[in-house]
Each structure stands twice: as C-alpha cells, then as structure tokens.
Protein backbone atom coordinates (compact mmCIF):
# COMPACT_ATOMS: atom_id res chain seq x y z
CA MET A 1 0.08 0.02 0.10
CA SER A 2 1.37 3.43 -0.79
CA GLY A 3 2.16 5.94 1.85
CA ARG A 4 -0.61 8.14 0.80
CA GLY A 5 -3.15 5.35 0.94
CA ALA A 6 -1.97 4.40 4.51
CA GLU A 7 -2.31 8.05 5.36
CA PHE A 8 -5.78 8.14 4.17
CA GLN A 9 -6.76 4.97 6.05
CA LEU A 10 -5.18 6.31 9.21
CA LYS A 11 -7.10 9.48 8.98
CA ASN A 12 -10.34 7.70 8.31
CA HIS A 13 -9.70 5.48 11.35
CA SER A 14 -9.08 8.42 13.58
CA LEU A 15 -12.09 10.30 12.34
CA GLY A 16 -14.15 6.99 13.11
CA ARG A 17 -12.84 6.90 16.59
CA SER A 18 -13.61 10.51 17.06
CA SER A 19 -17.10 10.11 15.81
CA ASP A 20 -17.59 7.17 18.17
CA ASN A 21 -16.30 9.30 21.12
CA TYR A 22 -18.59 12.15 20.23
CA LEU A 23 -21.55 9.84 19.82
CA GLU A 24 -20.94 8.37 23.32
CA LEU A 25 -20.38 11.75 24.72
CA VAL A 26 -23.93 12.89 23.32
CA LYS A 27 -25.52 9.63 24.62
CA THR A 28 -23.86 9.83 28.04
CA PHE A 29 -24.67 13.50 28.47
CA THR A 30 -28.24 13.07 27.34
CA LEU A 31 -28.63 10.31 29.91
CA ALA A 32 -26.63 11.91 32.66
CA TRP A 33 -28.11 15.51 32.66
CA PRO A 34 -31.27 14.62 34.43
CA LEU A 35 -29.54 12.38 36.83
CA ILE A 36 -27.17 15.28 37.54
CA ILE A 37 -29.92 17.76 38.14
CA ALA A 38 -31.68 15.16 40.24
CA GLN A 39 -28.61 14.56 42.41
CA LEU A 40 -28.27 18.43 42.74
CA ALA A 41 -31.92 18.42 43.77
CA VAL A 42 -31.29 15.64 46.27
CA ILE A 43 -28.50 17.66 47.88
CA ALA A 44 -30.64 20.73 47.81
CA ILE A 45 -32.83 18.98 50.43
CA ASN A 46 -29.87 18.24 52.69
CA THR A 47 -28.64 21.88 51.89
CA THR A 48 -31.94 23.32 52.99
CA ASP A 49 -31.52 21.42 56.31
CA VAL A 50 -27.98 22.59 56.76
CA ILE A 51 -29.05 26.23 56.09
CA MET A 52 -31.95 26.23 58.60
CA MET A 53 -29.81 24.31 61.21
CA GLY A 54 -27.43 27.20 60.74
CA TRP A 55 -30.33 29.73 61.38
CA LEU A 56 -30.82 28.04 64.82
CA GLY A 57 -27.08 28.56 65.79
CA PRO A 58 -23.69 27.07 65.52
CA SER A 59 -24.52 24.45 68.30
CA TYR A 60 -27.55 23.20 66.51
CA LEU A 61 -25.43 23.06 63.15
CA ALA A 62 -22.82 21.12 64.98
CA ALA A 63 -25.26 18.65 66.44
CA GLY A 64 -26.81 18.24 62.97
CA THR A 65 -23.37 17.74 61.49
CA LEU A 66 -22.57 14.93 63.93
CA SER A 67 -25.80 13.42 63.31
CA THR A 68 -25.25 13.30 59.56
CA ALA A 69 -21.72 12.13 60.32
CA ILE A 70 -23.18 8.98 61.86
CA LEU A 71 -26.09 8.61 59.46
CA HIS A 72 -24.60 9.26 56.12
CA PRO A 73 -22.14 6.36 56.21
CA ILE A 74 -25.09 3.95 56.67
CA LEU A 75 -27.47 5.83 54.23
CA LEU A 76 -24.61 5.92 51.47
CA ALA A 77 -23.50 2.40 52.17
CA GLY A 78 -27.09 1.30 51.48
CA ILE A 79 -27.48 3.29 48.43
CA GLY A 80 -24.19 1.87 47.27
CA LEU A 81 -25.25 -1.71 47.89
CA LEU A 82 -28.52 -1.18 45.89
CA SER A 83 -26.63 0.67 43.15
CA VAL A 84 -25.79 -2.69 41.58
CA ILE A 85 -29.41 -3.01 40.51
CA THR A 86 -28.59 -0.46 37.77
CA PRO A 87 -26.04 -2.53 35.90
CA LEU A 88 -27.80 -5.81 36.62
CA VAL A 89 -31.00 -4.45 35.00
CA ALA A 90 -29.10 -2.67 32.20
CA GLN A 91 -27.22 -5.99 31.36
CA ASN A 92 -30.51 -7.95 31.28
CA LEU A 93 -32.08 -5.25 29.13
CA ALA A 94 -29.43 -5.82 26.52
CA THR A 95 -30.66 -9.50 26.30
CA ASP A 96 -34.26 -8.63 26.86
CA ASN A 97 -34.58 -10.90 29.94
CA LEU A 98 -37.71 -9.58 31.54
CA THR A 99 -37.88 -12.26 34.16
CA ALA A 100 -34.43 -11.58 35.56
CA ILE A 101 -35.29 -7.70 35.56
CA ARG A 102 -38.53 -8.46 37.47
CA HIS A 103 -36.78 -10.65 40.03
CA THR A 104 -33.76 -8.20 40.46
CA THR A 105 -35.97 -5.36 41.37
CA ARG A 106 -38.19 -7.29 43.73
CA GLN A 107 -35.30 -8.68 45.61
CA GLY A 108 -33.78 -5.05 45.74
CA LEU A 109 -36.94 -4.07 47.80
CA TRP A 110 -36.31 -7.05 49.92
CA VAL A 111 -32.67 -5.83 50.64
CA ALA A 112 -33.69 -2.27 51.17
CA VAL A 113 -36.17 -3.51 53.92
CA LEU A 114 -33.51 -5.73 55.58
CA ILE A 115 -30.88 -3.08 55.77
CA SER A 116 -33.33 -0.59 57.13
CA VAL A 117 -34.44 -2.92 60.03
CA LEU A 118 -30.81 -3.41 60.85
CA SER A 119 -29.75 0.18 60.80
CA ILE A 120 -32.47 2.20 62.48
CA PRO A 121 -32.19 0.68 66.03
CA PHE A 122 -28.54 1.60 65.84
CA LEU A 123 -29.05 5.33 64.88
CA LEU A 124 -31.57 5.64 67.66
CA GLN A 125 -28.77 5.20 70.14
CA ILE A 126 -26.81 8.28 68.82
CA LYS A 127 -26.63 10.09 72.15
CA THR A 128 -24.82 7.19 73.68
CA ILE A 129 -22.62 7.00 70.65
CA ILE A 130 -21.63 10.85 70.71
CA ILE A 131 -20.92 10.60 74.59
CA PHE A 132 -18.80 7.57 74.06
CA LEU A 133 -16.83 9.46 71.51
CA ASN A 134 -15.93 11.96 74.15
CA LEU A 135 -17.91 14.82 72.48
CA ASP A 136 -19.95 17.61 74.19
CA VAL A 137 -23.13 16.21 76.04
CA SER A 138 -25.13 19.19 75.05
CA ILE A 139 -24.42 18.54 71.43
CA ALA A 140 -25.38 14.84 72.08
CA ILE A 141 -28.70 15.73 73.47
CA LEU A 142 -29.54 18.10 70.37
CA ALA A 143 -28.38 15.19 68.06
CA GLU A 144 -30.75 12.77 69.79
CA ASP A 145 -33.70 15.23 69.26
CA TYR A 146 -32.77 15.09 65.45
CA MET A 147 -32.27 11.51 65.11
CA SER A 148 -35.23 10.44 66.95
CA THR A 149 -37.22 11.34 63.92
CA ALA A 150 -34.77 11.38 61.14
CA ALA A 151 -33.56 7.86 61.47
CA TRP A 152 -36.97 6.60 60.18
CA HIS A 153 -36.44 8.10 56.75
CA LEU A 154 -34.03 5.26 55.92
CA LEU A 155 -36.76 2.81 54.88
CA PRO A 156 -38.59 4.97 52.30
CA ALA A 157 -35.25 6.31 51.05
CA PHE A 158 -33.74 2.81 50.37
CA LEU A 159 -37.01 1.74 48.61
CA PHE A 160 -36.97 4.86 46.47
CA PHE A 161 -33.43 4.18 45.45
CA VAL A 162 -34.32 0.70 44.36
CA LEU A 163 -37.00 2.06 42.04
CA ARG A 164 -34.78 4.78 40.95
CA ASN A 165 -32.12 2.45 39.94
CA PHE A 166 -34.73 0.31 37.93
CA VAL A 167 -36.12 3.20 35.96
CA SER A 168 -32.55 4.77 35.50
CA ALA A 169 -31.38 1.47 33.93
CA HIS A 170 -34.25 2.04 31.32
CA SER A 171 -32.80 5.49 30.54
CA ASP A 172 -36.01 7.08 32.07
CA THR A 173 -34.45 9.68 34.33
CA LYS A 174 -36.56 12.86 33.91
CA VAL A 175 -39.34 11.54 36.34
CA ILE A 176 -36.84 11.22 39.08
CA LEU A 177 -35.97 15.00 38.46
CA LYS A 178 -39.62 16.01 38.66
CA ILE A 179 -40.23 13.98 41.77
CA THR A 180 -37.04 15.38 43.53
CA ILE A 181 -37.76 19.08 42.68
CA VAL A 182 -41.28 18.75 44.41
CA ALA A 183 -39.49 17.21 47.26
CA ILE A 184 -37.15 20.06 47.58
CA ILE A 185 -40.15 22.45 48.02
CA LEU A 186 -42.02 20.12 50.54
CA ASN A 187 -38.81 19.82 52.61
CA ALA A 188 -38.20 23.58 52.57
CA LEU A 189 -41.88 24.27 53.75
CA GLY A 190 -41.70 21.36 56.27
CA ASN A 191 -38.50 22.55 57.81
CA TYR A 192 -39.82 26.14 58.00
CA GLY A 193 -42.97 25.11 59.49
CA LEU A 194 -41.69 22.30 62.02
CA MET A 195 -38.42 23.89 63.01
CA PHE A 196 -39.49 27.40 63.67
CA GLY A 197 -43.17 27.24 64.39
CA ASN A 198 -44.55 28.70 61.26
CA PHE A 199 -47.88 27.99 59.52
CA GLY A 200 -49.51 27.23 62.85
CA LEU A 201 -47.05 24.20 63.54
CA PRO A 202 -45.17 23.74 66.69
CA ALA A 203 -41.46 25.00 66.88
CA LEU A 204 -39.71 21.62 67.18
CA GLY A 205 -36.05 22.67 66.31
CA LEU A 206 -33.94 19.66 64.96
CA LYS A 207 -36.76 17.32 65.75
CA GLY A 208 -38.79 19.11 63.21
CA ALA A 209 -36.16 18.82 60.64
CA GLY A 210 -36.05 15.02 61.09
CA ILE A 211 -39.96 14.82 60.82
CA SER A 212 -39.74 16.72 57.53
CA THR A 213 -36.93 14.57 56.13
CA THR A 214 -38.96 11.35 56.95
CA ILE A 215 -42.06 12.81 55.36
CA VAL A 216 -40.42 13.92 52.08
CA ASN A 217 -38.54 10.64 51.59
CA SER A 218 -41.87 8.68 52.07
CA PHE A 219 -43.51 11.08 49.43
CA MET A 220 -40.62 10.47 47.00
CA PHE A 221 -41.06 6.56 47.40
CA LEU A 222 -44.72 6.57 46.89
CA ALA A 223 -44.66 8.95 44.09
CA LEU A 224 -42.21 6.88 42.04
CA LEU A 225 -43.91 3.46 43.07
CA SER A 226 -47.25 4.99 41.68
CA TYR A 227 -45.43 5.79 38.34
CA VAL A 228 -43.79 2.40 38.05
CA LEU A 229 -47.10 0.68 38.62
CA THR A 230 -49.13 2.70 36.25
CA HIS A 231 -46.88 3.66 33.44
CA HIS A 232 -47.27 1.28 30.23
CA ARG A 233 -43.48 0.86 30.04
CA TYR A 234 -43.26 -0.94 33.36
CA LYS A 235 -46.65 -2.72 33.94
CA LYS A 236 -45.31 -5.79 32.08
CA TYR A 237 -42.81 -6.41 34.95
CA ASP A 238 -45.47 -6.69 37.61
CA ILE A 239 -43.09 -5.52 40.11
CA LEU A 240 -45.27 -6.06 43.25
CA VAL A 241 -47.03 -9.24 42.09
CA ARG A 242 -45.94 -12.06 44.49
CA ILE A 243 -43.57 -9.67 46.18
CA TYR A 244 -43.45 -12.00 49.19
CA LYS A 245 -41.86 -14.73 46.92
CA PRO A 246 -38.13 -14.91 47.29
CA ASP A 247 -35.44 -15.55 44.61
CA TRP A 248 -32.51 -16.38 46.97
CA GLN A 249 -30.14 -16.57 44.11
CA ILE A 250 -30.66 -13.02 42.91
CA PHE A 251 -30.87 -11.95 46.55
CA ALA A 252 -27.49 -13.29 47.21
CA LYS A 253 -26.26 -11.82 44.10
CA ILE A 254 -27.19 -8.30 44.92
CA PHE A 255 -25.36 -8.65 48.27
CA ALA A 256 -22.33 -10.38 46.62
CA LEU A 257 -22.00 -7.46 44.00
CA GLY A 258 -23.36 -4.82 46.15
CA ALA A 259 -21.86 -5.16 49.53
CA PRO A 260 -18.31 -4.19 48.16
CA VAL A 261 -19.78 -1.26 46.52
CA GLY A 262 -21.66 -0.30 49.79
CA LEU A 263 -18.61 -0.84 51.87
CA MET A 264 -16.39 1.21 49.32
CA ILE A 265 -18.70 4.24 49.56
CA ALA A 266 -19.02 3.64 53.32
CA ALA A 267 -15.22 3.86 53.60
CA GLU A 268 -15.27 7.20 51.91
CA ALA A 269 -18.26 8.49 53.88
CA GLY A 270 -16.75 7.03 57.00
CA LEU A 271 -13.52 9.01 56.54
CA PHE A 272 -15.49 12.27 56.41
CA SER A 273 -17.47 11.08 59.50
CA ILE A 274 -14.18 10.65 61.29
CA ALA A 275 -13.11 14.00 60.14
CA ALA A 276 -16.29 15.50 61.80
CA ILE A 277 -15.44 13.77 65.09
CA PHE A 278 -11.99 15.23 64.86
CA MET A 279 -13.36 18.69 64.30
CA GLY A 280 -15.81 18.00 67.44
CA TRP A 281 -12.65 17.54 69.38
CA LEU A 282 -11.26 20.89 68.16
CA GLY A 283 -14.33 22.82 69.03
CA THR A 284 -17.90 23.98 68.14
CA SER A 285 -16.74 26.57 65.69
CA GLU A 286 -14.36 24.23 63.90
CA LEU A 287 -17.13 21.72 63.59
CA ALA A 288 -19.61 24.31 62.31
CA GLY A 289 -16.98 25.64 59.63
CA HIS A 290 -16.39 21.96 58.58
CA ALA A 291 -20.15 21.53 58.16
CA VAL A 292 -20.39 24.51 55.87
CA ALA A 293 -17.28 23.46 53.63
CA LEU A 294 -18.39 19.94 53.66
CA GLN A 295 -21.89 20.97 52.42
CA ILE A 296 -20.37 23.20 49.62
CA ALA A 297 -18.09 20.20 48.47
CA ALA A 298 -20.94 17.77 48.66
CA ILE A 299 -22.98 20.06 46.26
CA ALA A 300 -20.17 20.19 43.77
CA PHE A 301 -19.76 16.22 44.15
CA MET A 302 -23.34 15.74 42.92
CA ILE A 303 -22.33 16.58 39.40
CA PRO A 304 -19.84 13.73 39.02
CA LEU A 305 -22.10 11.49 41.03
CA GLY A 306 -25.07 11.94 38.88
CA LEU A 307 -22.79 11.33 35.90
CA SER A 308 -21.42 8.10 37.47
CA ASN A 309 -24.98 6.70 37.44
CA ALA A 310 -25.07 7.30 33.81
CA THR A 311 -21.54 5.78 33.47
CA THR A 312 -22.60 2.47 35.15
CA ILE A 313 -25.66 2.37 32.72
CA ARG A 314 -23.64 3.03 29.65
CA VAL A 315 -20.77 0.66 30.44
CA GLY A 316 -23.09 -1.88 31.87
CA TYR A 317 -25.28 -2.06 28.56
CA SER A 318 -22.07 -2.40 26.46
CA TYR A 319 -20.80 -5.09 28.87
CA GLY A 320 -23.98 -7.06 28.66
CA ALA A 321 -23.85 -6.79 24.89
CA GLN A 322 -20.27 -8.03 24.86
CA ASP A 323 -19.07 -4.89 23.07
CA LYS A 324 -15.50 -4.30 24.33
CA LYS A 325 -15.07 -1.07 22.29
CA GLY A 326 -18.27 0.26 23.70
CA VAL A 327 -17.16 -0.48 27.31
CA ILE A 328 -13.90 1.27 26.65
CA ILE A 329 -15.24 4.37 25.17
CA ALA A 330 -18.20 4.81 27.56
CA GLY A 331 -15.81 4.56 30.60
CA TRP A 332 -13.26 7.04 29.28
CA VAL A 333 -15.71 9.54 27.99
CA SER A 334 -17.31 9.72 31.50
CA ILE A 335 -14.08 9.90 33.40
CA ALA A 336 -13.05 12.86 31.21
CA LEU A 337 -16.54 14.47 31.68
CA GLY A 338 -16.28 14.01 35.38
CA VAL A 339 -12.71 15.57 35.83
CA GLY A 340 -13.75 18.37 33.39
CA PHE A 341 -16.91 19.30 35.39
CA MET A 342 -14.84 19.41 38.67
CA PHE A 343 -12.23 21.81 37.11
CA SER A 344 -15.01 24.55 37.04
CA THR A 345 -15.82 24.02 40.83
CA LEU A 346 -12.00 24.32 41.59
CA ILE A 347 -12.08 27.76 39.97
CA LEU A 348 -15.25 28.73 41.74
CA PHE A 349 -14.19 27.71 45.27
CA SER A 350 -10.65 29.35 44.84
CA VAL A 351 -12.10 32.70 43.65
CA PHE A 352 -15.38 33.14 45.72
CA PRO A 353 -14.99 31.40 48.98
CA TYR A 354 -16.67 34.12 51.16
CA PRO A 355 -19.98 34.44 49.21
CA LEU A 356 -20.50 30.78 49.23
CA VAL A 357 -19.86 30.49 52.95
CA TYR A 358 -22.23 33.44 53.61
CA LEU A 359 -25.11 31.53 52.23
CA PHE A 360 -24.86 29.33 55.34
CA LEU A 361 -23.61 31.58 58.04
CA ASP A 362 -24.68 35.22 58.49
CA PRO A 363 -21.68 37.43 58.63
CA SER A 364 -23.51 40.01 60.36
CA VAL A 365 -23.91 37.96 63.43
CA SER A 366 -20.64 38.27 65.32
CA THR A 367 -20.68 34.90 66.93
CA ASN A 368 -20.58 33.37 63.39
CA MET A 369 -17.26 34.95 62.26
CA THR A 370 -15.03 32.34 63.69
CA ALA A 371 -16.94 29.62 62.02
CA ILE A 372 -16.88 31.57 58.94
CA ASN A 373 -13.23 31.92 58.75
CA TYR A 374 -12.70 28.22 59.49
CA ALA A 375 -14.99 27.40 56.69
CA VAL A 376 -13.13 29.54 54.19
CA SER A 377 -9.83 28.00 54.92
CA TYR A 378 -11.21 24.45 54.63
CA LEU A 379 -12.86 25.36 51.30
CA PHE A 380 -9.54 26.31 49.93
CA ILE A 381 -8.36 22.63 50.64
CA VAL A 382 -11.55 21.44 49.12
CA SER A 383 -10.69 23.14 45.97
CA LEU A 384 -7.31 21.32 45.66
CA PHE A 385 -8.95 17.82 45.43
CA GLN A 386 -11.90 18.48 43.16
CA LEU A 387 -10.41 16.76 40.08
CA ALA A 388 -9.60 13.64 42.21
CA ASP A 389 -13.06 13.52 43.54
CA GLY A 390 -14.71 13.73 40.28
CA GLY A 391 -12.18 11.08 38.83
CA GLN A 392 -12.65 8.54 41.58
CA VAL A 393 -16.37 8.48 41.56
CA VAL A 394 -16.72 8.01 37.81
CA ALA A 395 -14.03 5.38 37.64
CA ALA A 396 -15.75 3.33 40.42
CA ALA A 397 -18.89 3.49 38.46
CA ALA A 398 -17.33 2.41 35.26
CA LEU A 399 -15.89 -0.64 37.09
CA ARG A 400 -19.26 -1.36 38.64
CA GLY A 401 -20.53 -1.54 34.96
CA ILE A 402 -18.36 -4.45 34.35
CA ASN A 403 -19.08 -6.12 37.60
CA ASP A 404 -15.82 -5.26 39.19
CA THR A 405 -16.64 -4.41 42.79
CA LYS A 406 -14.49 -6.33 45.21
CA LEU A 407 -10.97 -4.90 44.50
CA PRO A 408 -12.33 -1.19 44.21
CA MET A 409 -13.55 -1.75 47.82
CA TYR A 410 -10.15 -2.79 48.98
CA ILE A 411 -8.62 0.24 47.22
CA ALA A 412 -11.15 2.54 48.92
CA ILE A 413 -10.42 1.05 52.32
CA VAL A 414 -6.67 1.31 51.93
CA GLY A 415 -6.90 4.87 50.40
CA TYR A 416 -9.35 6.36 52.86
CA TRP A 417 -8.47 4.60 56.00
CA LEU A 418 -4.73 3.84 55.60
CA VAL A 419 -3.77 6.85 53.82
CA GLY A 420 -6.43 9.56 54.29
CA MET A 421 -7.41 8.97 58.09
CA PRO A 422 -3.87 8.66 59.55
CA THR A 423 -2.73 11.63 57.47
CA ALA A 424 -5.69 13.63 58.75
CA TYR A 425 -4.68 12.83 62.31
CA LEU A 426 -1.06 13.32 61.98
CA LEU A 427 -1.43 16.66 60.25
CA GLY A 428 -4.30 17.87 62.45
CA PHE A 429 -3.22 16.93 65.97
CA VAL A 430 0.61 15.80 65.84
CA PHE A 431 1.84 18.64 63.49
CA ASP A 432 -0.93 20.85 64.99
CA LEU A 433 -2.36 22.12 61.76
CA ARG A 434 -5.89 21.61 63.33
CA GLY A 435 -8.74 21.69 60.81
CA VAL A 436 -6.59 22.50 57.82
CA GLY A 437 -4.54 19.33 58.49
CA VAL A 438 -7.73 17.24 58.79
CA TRP A 439 -8.82 18.46 55.31
CA LEU A 440 -5.29 17.92 53.88
CA GLY A 441 -5.63 14.27 55.00
CA LEU A 442 -9.03 13.83 53.19
CA ALA A 443 -7.52 15.21 50.07
CA ALA A 444 -4.64 12.62 50.36
CA GLY A 445 -7.14 9.75 50.56
CA LEU A 446 -9.28 10.97 47.58
CA VAL A 447 -6.14 11.57 45.38
CA PHE A 448 -4.70 8.03 46.09
CA VAL A 449 -8.17 6.33 45.35
CA ALA A 450 -8.59 8.34 42.22
CA ILE A 451 -5.33 7.36 40.80
CA VAL A 452 -5.46 3.67 41.64
CA LEU A 453 -9.19 3.30 40.41
CA ILE A 454 -8.47 4.85 37.10
CA LEU A 455 -5.36 2.68 36.59
CA ARG A 456 -7.57 -0.27 37.46
CA TYR A 457 -10.16 0.61 34.80
CA TRP A 458 -7.38 1.12 32.22
CA SER A 459 -5.77 -2.37 33.07
CA LEU A 460 -9.07 -4.36 33.03
CA THR A 461 -10.53 -2.87 29.85
CA LYS A 462 -7.20 -3.45 27.98
CA LYS A 463 -7.33 -7.17 28.90
CA LEU A 464 -11.09 -7.48 28.37
CA SER A 465 -12.36 -10.32 26.19
CA PHE A 466 -15.55 -12.07 25.53
CA ASN A 467 -15.96 -15.67 24.57
C-alpha cells in the first residue's frame, strides 16, 4: 500500500474513533443531565436542612453535623449496595430478559427493607454513641432530638433508590428529577414550619427537621412507586405481584456484588465522619465551619455522582452486549466528563469562597465569624481535590458496569483509612495544623483512590475479552 493510501486510512480510522467518542459523549450526557440535576436536587434537600440548622445557631449546626456524620455512612452504604441493581437491570435489558429484571427489582426491595431494619435501632442510640466518642453532652442531646425522627427516613429512602435504579437503567431519568424538585419544595416548607413554628405548627427545632426529612422521603418513594405501577412501560414487569416470593439466588447476587460497593462508599463517607469527630474534638466553631465547607463540597460532588449513574448504565449495557469497544469508550468519556466538570468547581471555590460560605452563616452575626473563617480555610483545601473527587467516583462507576466491585472496595479502604485518616490525624493533631490538617488528610485519601481506580479501569479494559 502506498504511503498516501496508508495516511488516508489512518485519517479515516481516527475520524471514526472521534465520531464514536462524540456519539458516546452525546448519549452519556443525554442520559446523565437529568440524573445530575436530580442529584443536585437531592443535595438541595440536605442543603436546606444545613442552612436552617445554621439559622438556629452554631450549636444546632454542630449537632446536625455529628448526626449526619453517623447517619450518612449507613445511608450511603445502603445506596451503594442497592446501586448494583442498575447494571444488573441494564445488562438484562441488553438481552431482553424480563424475568431477571423483575426478580432483580423485587429482591432489591427485600434488601432495602432488611438493611433498614438493621440500621434504624443503631441510629436511635446516637446520644450514647456521641458521649462514648468523648464529645460535648449538650451536642449529644440536640443530636438525639434530630435522630429520633430522622432515622425513620431510611426505609422509604432505600425503597426509593431501588425504584430509581430500576427506571434509570431504562434511561428514564426525567421522572426522578420531577419528583425530587417537588421534594425540595416540600422539605423547605416542612423545615420552615416544623423547625421554627410557622404555618401554625409547633416549633420543634432539630426534631422538626427530622420529621420533615422522613415525610419527604416517604413522598418520593410513593410517587415513584405509583409511576412504576401505572406507566405502560413498566406494567409488564409486575413488580409487586408475588412480592413475598423470594429468589434467593438473585438476593445473594445483589449482596455479593453490592456489599463491596456499599463498603467502598461507606469507607469514603466514614473518612468524612471521622473528620467530623476530629473537628468536634477541636471545638464547636471548627465543627460548624467544617459542616459548611463539607456541604459546599457535597453540592459540587453531585455533578460527577449524577454522571456516575449514567456511566454505570452505559458501561453495563455495552458489557451485557459483549461490546469491548463500547465499554472502553463509555468509561473514558465519562471519566473525562467527570474531571472536566470538577475543574470549574475548583475555580469557583478558589475565587469566591466568602460569598459561598455566607449562604450558610450570616456574617452580620458576630458569633458566626470564627466559624466563617474556618469554613473559608477548609474550602481552599476542598478546591485542591476537586479533580480527584470527580475522577474516583466516575472510575468506580465504570468498574461497577463491568461487575468489578471487590477490588475497588479494598482500594477505597486502603486509600481512605490507611492513607487519608492517619494523614488527617497526624497533620491535624501531631503537627498541630488543626482543621486544615484534617482536610489535607481527606485530600490525600481522595487523590490516592482516584489514581488507583483509574489505573484499574485502564488495566481491566485493556485485557477485556468475550467468549
């Protein structure tokens, strides 16, 4: 073949690859944007809680932060465990296996009930837990008020996420967005009424916030359940028919694949929970500042997290169809999108830290200024690990799409608990960098996990083969 002919073929081959990448980018973004908006809407519910807790005062915000530090690892571990329903349904959609999809979703509901029954009694002991951790007793009493009503939202929340994963695997994401937007409004009204005694309701403080949270999550589950039971697309699955009948093989498969995912997410959430306890040792103002910085970081994290749901679907669908090229393109396009999104938040946090913090703590209140200054210093550290945070969550989602969950769990445990947590303690307390040192430890853990997970995906997809 002539040199000109070889050059022509090479250009066409490159163009073809670029076209494939662009097509995957369009498909991923089309699937992802409602999920991203939905994730931002979900965090808007939590953000409303944090803002209104801040209105009650730094002590209430600190108590709410410790409560969520104990609650969130359990919540996120459950959501992670249930997240494997998405790739399992997506893979069965590729082969049009309706029976497997039906059984997977039903057993997902079983799993949701089981983990709720195991988790709620533990959370109701939060006062004892906080006192055991050698934290302020007055904060423990306030935390008990909140958790006595908030713990009950786990059951409807887990049930909602089962159905959310089911419809997401069908690329039906807009309904999730609509339900979540309504939930934001309901939560804001519920908090405003039940926390502060508006609309003729009693002023219950943190207990009112917990009641609102439970009501809103119940609404979200019932709304999505009604949609699934009545929409023509899903009637054929008969999700609730013979719901009492077990399929132990699929039940065990959800745990086998999902438990490592749940533990992986819990490892990360647990690191941030330990950081909250460290901050509680440092003082109420440090803990309040930490709560604000963490909430702002969590809002930004919703973008790659929403994208990661689409990543699992796209990779899982190609994996189920035994399309190696599709698996590779879907994963790398998503990783590039996740890192790219977080670059913009890096700039935002670096340039406008004070206006962001003022959304949570009123600078005109003199008692808030110490917490505000702490929050700004922590937010600078947050800006440093944005790219790693985006990369690790999308890479983990891509690995879930090819049913690789066990080794990523170990990577997360090592990164967060053997790198991040010791670094946070050493820098914060041994080298006396206090809260800044704790946040630098969080950054170290995230960077380690991001690098190793991305290398893991590259290695597996390079060797991937189908019989």
